[in-house]
Amino acid sequence: MKRQRDLHAVIARIQAMLAQDGLEPEQKNALVKALKALKLIRRKANPTKQDFYLVVRQIAEDLFTAFMK
């Protein structure tokens, strides 16, 4: 249950970031991609810890690349 609540919180924060002005297209694309990945793992019946680690790793790489430029 806590995982679902945490996922919902992260999804809400990303949606709030997308609603802000001033994002570059690359940043916006990275946020949309992260949102899609989180929604996919949320729909998965029984995600393992490894599934979460892989998704978090991919999201972190994408966001760091987009926001560090």
C-alpha atoms as a PDB file:
ATOM      1  CA  MET A   1       0.000   0.000   0.000  1.00  0.00           C
ATOM      2  CA  LYS A   2       2.819   2.401   0.827  1.00  0.00           C
ATOM      3  CA  ARG A   3       4.353   1.846  -2.611  1.00  0.00           C
ATOM      4  CA  GLN A   4       1.139   2.910  -4.301  1.00  0.00           C
ATOM      5  CA  ARG A   5       0.914   6.012  -2.128  1.00  0.00           C
ATOM      6  CA  ASP A   6       4.535   6.886  -2.892  1.00  0.00           C
ATOM      7  CA  LEU A   7       3.983   6.372  -6.609  1.00  0.00           C
ATOM      8  CA  HIS A   8       0.937   8.619  -6.555  1.00  0.00           C
ATOM      9  CA  ALA A   9       2.928  11.314  -4.746  1.00  0.00           C
ATOM     10  CA  VAL A  10       5.757  11.193  -7.291  1.00  0.00           C
ATOM     11  CA  ILE A  11       3.308  11.247 -10.201  1.00  0.00           C
ATOM     12  CA  ALA A  12       1.575  14.296  -8.697  1.00  0.00           C
ATOM     13  CA  ARG A  13       4.886  16.128  -8.306  1.00  0.00           C
ATOM     14  CA  ILE A  14       5.891  15.413 -11.895  1.00  0.00           C
ATOM     15  CA  GLN A  15       2.499  16.608 -13.133  1.00  0.00           C
ATOM     16  CA  ALA A  16       2.953  19.802 -11.121  1.00  0.00           C
ATOM     17  CA  MET A  17       6.356  20.339 -12.708  1.00  0.00           C
ATOM     18  CA  LEU A  18       4.846  19.851 -16.161  1.00  0.00           C
ATOM     19  CA  ALA A  19       2.259  22.525 -15.403  1.00  0.00           C
ATOM     20  CA  GLN A  20       4.973  25.127 -14.744  1.00  0.00           C
ATOM     21  CA  ASP A  21       6.120  27.530 -17.424  1.00  0.00           C
ATOM     22  CA  GLY A  22       9.734  27.918 -18.386  1.00  0.00           C
ATOM     23  CA  LEU A  23      10.599  24.307 -19.153  1.00  0.00           C
ATOM     24  CA  GLU A  24      12.620  23.595 -22.246  1.00  0.00           C
ATOM     25  CA  PRO A  25      11.214  21.036 -24.692  1.00  0.00           C
ATOM     26  CA  GLU A  26      13.886  18.491 -23.754  1.00  0.00           C
ATOM     27  CA  GLN A  27      13.047  18.875 -20.072  1.00  0.00           C
ATOM     28  CA  LYS A  28       9.344  18.540 -20.748  1.00  0.00           C
ATOM     29  CA  ASN A  29       9.949  15.386 -22.821  1.00  0.00           C
ATOM     30  CA  ALA A  30      12.025  13.853 -20.017  1.00  0.00           C
ATOM     31  CA  LEU A  31       9.256  14.548 -17.508  1.00  0.00           C
ATOM     32  CA  VAL A  32       6.605  13.047 -19.797  1.00  0.00           C
ATOM     33  CA  LYS A  33       8.765   9.955 -20.304  1.00  0.00           C
ATOM     34  CA  ALA A  34       9.219   9.620 -16.530  1.00  0.00           C
ATOM     35  CA  LEU A  35       5.488   9.978 -15.990  1.00  0.00           C
ATOM     36  CA  LYS A  36       4.771   7.207 -18.492  1.00  0.00           C
ATOM     37  CA  ALA A  37       7.316   4.893 -16.862  1.00  0.00           C
ATOM     38  CA  LEU A  38       5.818   5.471 -13.415  1.00  0.00           C
ATOM     39  CA  LYS A  39       2.309   4.838 -14.653  1.00  0.00           C
ATOM     40  CA  LEU A  40       3.435   1.583 -16.282  1.00  0.00           C
ATOM     41  CA  ILE A  41       5.021   0.277 -13.098  1.00  0.00           C
ATOM     42  CA  ARG A  42       1.960   1.361 -11.118  1.00  0.00           C
ATOM     43  CA  ARG A  43      -0.217  -0.817 -13.361  1.00  0.00           C
ATOM     44  CA  LYS A  44       2.040  -3.845 -13.025  1.00  0.00           C
ATOM     45  CA  ALA A  45       0.395  -6.508 -10.850  1.00  0.00           C
ATOM     46  CA  ASN A  46       3.363  -7.486  -8.669  1.00  0.00           C
ATOM     47  CA  PRO A  47       6.407  -5.335  -9.366  1.00  0.00           C
ATOM     48  CA  THR A  48       9.623  -6.562  -7.813  1.00  0.00           C
ATOM     49  CA  LYS A  49      12.276  -4.442  -6.171  1.00  0.00           C
ATOM     50  CA  GLN A  50      14.383  -4.899  -9.282  1.00  0.00           C
ATOM     51  CA  ASP A  51      11.557  -3.458 -11.415  1.00  0.00           C
ATOM     52  CA  PHE A  52      11.464  -0.378  -9.204  1.00  0.00           C
ATOM     53  CA  TYR A  53      15.245  -0.004  -9.262  1.00  0.00           C
ATOM     54  CA  LEU A  54      15.340  -0.183 -13.053  1.00  0.00           C
ATOM     55  CA  VAL A  55      12.582   2.371 -13.471  1.00  0.00           C
ATOM     56  CA  VAL A  56      14.128   4.764 -10.957  1.00  0.00           C
ATOM     57  CA  ARG A  57      17.529   4.401 -12.587  1.00  0.00           C
ATOM     58  CA  GLN A  58      16.166   5.158 -16.057  1.00  0.00           C
ATOM     59  CA  ILE A  59      14.148   8.132 -14.825  1.00  0.00           C
ATOM     60  CA  ALA A  60      17.119   9.546 -12.935  1.00  0.00           C
ATOM     61  CA  GLU A  61      19.398   9.255 -15.973  1.00  0.00           C
ATOM     62  CA  ASP A  62      16.856  10.953 -18.236  1.00  0.00           C
ATOM     63  CA  LEU A  63      16.127  13.782 -15.809  1.00  0.00           C
ATOM     64  CA  PHE A  64      19.774  14.443 -14.969  1.00  0.00           C
ATOM     65  CA  THR A  65      20.626  14.586 -18.657  1.00  0.00           C
ATOM     66  CA  ALA A  66      17.757  16.950 -19.446  1.00  0.00           C
ATOM     67  CA  PHE A  67      18.133  19.308 -16.488  1.00  0.00           C
ATOM     68  CA  MET A  68      21.932  19.504 -16.293  1.00  0.00           C
ATOM     69  CA  LYS A  69      22.368  21.100 -19.713  1.00  0.00           C
END
